[in-house]
C-alpha atoms as a PDB file:
ATOM      1  CA  MET A   1      -7.221   9.433  -7.325  1.00  0.00           C
ATOM      2  CA  ILE A   2      -4.112   7.738  -8.741  1.00  0.00           C
ATOM      3  CA  SER A   3      -1.855  10.814  -8.739  1.00  0.00           C
ATOM      4  CA  ALA A   4      -2.169  11.016  -4.960  1.00  0.00           C
ATOM      5  CA  LEU A   5      -0.356   7.674  -4.789  1.00  0.00           C
ATOM      6  CA  ALA A   6       2.591   8.779  -6.930  1.00  0.00           C
ATOM      7  CA  ASP A   7       6.000   9.199  -5.328  1.00  0.00           C
ATOM      8  CA  ASN A   8       7.076  12.702  -6.313  1.00  0.00           C
ATOM      9  CA  ALA A   9      10.437  12.711  -4.500  1.00  0.00           C
ATOM     10  CA  VAL A  10      12.225  14.538  -7.311  1.00  0.00           C
ATOM     11  CA  LEU A  11      15.850  14.095  -6.254  1.00  0.00           C
ATOM     12  CA  ASP A  12      15.350  10.472  -5.228  1.00  0.00           C
ATOM     13  CA  GLY A  13      13.644   9.770  -8.537  1.00  0.00           C
ATOM     14  CA  ILE A  14      16.400  11.456 -10.534  1.00  0.00           C
ATOM     15  CA  ARG A  15      19.080   9.522  -8.651  1.00  0.00           C
ATOM     16  CA  LEU A  16      17.179   6.288  -9.170  1.00  0.00           C
ATOM     17  CA  MET A  17      16.746   6.840 -12.913  1.00  0.00           C
ATOM     18  CA  SER A  18      20.390   7.882 -13.288  1.00  0.00           C
ATOM     19  CA  SER A  19      21.588   4.815 -11.413  1.00  0.00           C
ATOM     20  CA  LEU A  20      19.381   2.440 -13.395  1.00  0.00           C
ATOM     21  CA  LEU A  21      20.501   3.919 -16.707  1.00  0.00           C
ATOM     22  CA  ALA A  22      24.196   3.918 -15.718  1.00  0.00           C
ATOM     23  CA  ASN A  23      24.009   0.273 -14.640  1.00  0.00           C
ATOM     24  CA  ASP A  24      22.103  -0.870 -17.743  1.00  0.00           C
ATOM     25  CA  ARG A  25      19.065  -1.693 -15.612  1.00  0.00           C
ATOM     26  CA  LEU A  26      16.765   0.687 -17.462  1.00  0.00           C
ATOM     27  CA  ARG A  27      16.418   0.815 -21.196  1.00  0.00           C
ATOM     28  CA  VAL A  28      14.366   3.246 -23.218  1.00  0.00           C
ATOM     29  CA  HIS A  29      12.572   1.989 -26.317  1.00  0.00           C
ATOM     30  CA  ALA A  30      13.263   3.906 -29.527  1.00  0.00           C
ATOM     31  CA  ARG A  31       9.555   4.758 -29.790  1.00  0.00           C
ATOM     32  CA  CYS A  32       9.811   6.847 -26.580  1.00  0.00           C
ATOM     33  CA  THR A  33      10.910   9.833 -28.630  1.00  0.00           C
ATOM     34  CA  GLY A  34       9.709  12.444 -26.133  1.00  0.00           C
ATOM     35  CA  LEU A  35      11.866  10.976 -23.387  1.00  0.00           C
ATOM     36  CA  ILE A  36      14.842  10.467 -25.691  1.00  0.00           C
ATOM     37  CA  ASP A  37      14.590  14.063 -26.906  1.00  0.00           C
ATOM     38  CA  GLU A  38      14.361  15.469 -23.364  1.00  0.00           C
ATOM     39  CA  ILE A  39      17.173  13.556 -21.654  1.00  0.00           C
ATOM     40  CA  PRO A  40      20.117  15.477 -23.182  1.00  0.00           C
ATOM     41  CA  GLY A  41      18.566  18.831 -22.241  1.00  0.00           C
ATOM     42  CA  TYR A  42      17.820  17.927 -18.622  1.00  0.00           C
ATOM     43  CA  SER A  43      19.890  20.236 -16.468  1.00  0.00           C
ATOM     44  CA  TRP A  44      20.175  21.727 -13.010  1.00  0.00           C
ATOM     45  CA  ASP A  45      18.978  25.170 -11.997  1.00  0.00           C
ATOM     46  CA  ASP A  46      22.035  27.379 -11.310  1.00  0.00           C
ATOM     47  CA  ARG A  47      19.981  29.838  -9.237  1.00  0.00           C
ATOM     48  CA  ALA A  48      18.776  27.050  -6.963  1.00  0.00           C
ATOM     49  CA  ALA A  49      22.361  25.810  -6.653  1.00  0.00           C
ATOM     50  CA  GLU A  50      23.436  29.271  -5.502  1.00  0.00           C
ATOM     51  CA  ARG A  51      20.895  28.904  -2.673  1.00  0.00           C
ATOM     52  CA  GLY A  52      22.344  25.497  -1.818  1.00  0.00           C
ATOM     53  CA  GLU A  53      19.463  23.562  -3.396  1.00  0.00           C
ATOM     54  CA  ASP A  54      19.505  20.798  -5.988  1.00  0.00           C
ATOM     55  CA  ALA A  55      16.685  21.408  -8.436  1.00  0.00           C
ATOM     56  CA  PRO A  56      16.248  20.638 -12.119  1.00  0.00           C
ATOM     57  CA  ILE A  57      15.167  23.325 -14.556  1.00  0.00           C
ATOM     58  CA  LYS A  58      11.436  22.857 -15.077  1.00  0.00           C
ATOM     59  CA  ALA A  59      11.186  23.190 -18.853  1.00  0.00           C
ATOM     60  CA  GLY A  60      10.550  20.593 -21.528  1.00  0.00           C
ATOM     61  CA  ASP A  61      10.580  17.754 -19.020  1.00  0.00           C
ATOM     62  CA  HIS A  62       7.128  16.165 -19.213  1.00  0.00           C
ATOM     63  CA  SER A  63       8.352  12.795 -20.472  1.00  0.00           C
ATOM     64  CA  ILE A  64      11.212  12.666 -17.982  1.00  0.00           C
ATOM     65  CA  ASP A  65       8.835  13.546 -15.153  1.00  0.00           C
ATOM     66  CA  ALA A  66       6.407  10.834 -16.253  1.00  0.00           C
ATOM     67  CA  ALA A  67       9.191   8.237 -16.424  1.00  0.00           C
ATOM     68  CA  ARG A  68      10.531   9.300 -13.030  1.00  0.00           C
ATOM     69  CA  TYR A  69       7.072   9.095 -11.431  1.00  0.00           C
ATOM     70  CA  ALA A  70       6.434   5.660 -12.917  1.00  0.00           C
ATOM     71  CA  ILE A  71       9.819   4.241 -11.935  1.00  0.00           C
ATOM     72  CA  LYS A  72       9.913   5.649  -8.418  1.00  0.00           C
ATOM     73  CA  THR A  73       6.273   4.922  -7.609  1.00  0.00           C
ATOM     74  CA  SER A  74       6.462   1.309  -8.799  1.00  0.00           C
ATOM     75  CA  GLU A  75       9.902   0.599  -7.287  1.00  0.00           C
ATOM     76  CA  VAL A  76       8.448  -1.623  -4.570  1.00  0.00           C
ATOM     77  CA  LEU A  77       7.130  -3.918  -7.328  1.00  0.00           C
ATOM     78  CA  TRP A  78      10.202  -4.236  -9.570  1.00  0.00           C
ATOM     79  CA  ARG A  79      13.113  -3.798  -7.126  1.00  0.00           C
ATOM     80  CA  PRO A  80      12.884  -7.381  -5.762  1.00  0.00           C
ATOM     81  CA  LEU A  81      13.140  -8.723  -9.330  1.00  0.00           C
ATOM     82  CA  LEU A  82      16.573  -7.204  -9.964  1.00  0.00           C
ATOM     83  CA  ARG A  83      19.495  -9.531  -9.651  1.00  0.00           C
ATOM     84  CA  SER A  84      22.783  -8.297  -8.315  1.00  0.00           C
ATOM     85  CA  PRO A  85      25.333  -7.673 -11.077  1.00  0.00           C
ATOM     86  CA  ALA A  86      27.731 -10.572 -11.614  1.00  0.00           C
ATOM     87  CA  ALA A  87      30.961 -10.120  -9.678  1.00  0.00           C
END
């Protein structure tokens, strides 16, 4: 079962995606309309924050979740291919 192999570390995956996007290491093709539509609405759960937890609101996030799973789960394959940014 493939899903059993997926890395579902939500916060690590979110941090990884955020870092890759911020450093121009991840680009999203214009045809990925679901992901593009979801990104601006991705937000943190205020109730979870009140309990001292970091948790995203689980609504309208299927494409973001799929991207996060794919990126985090395959990190061991693509991470060695990244070059350090030019100094």
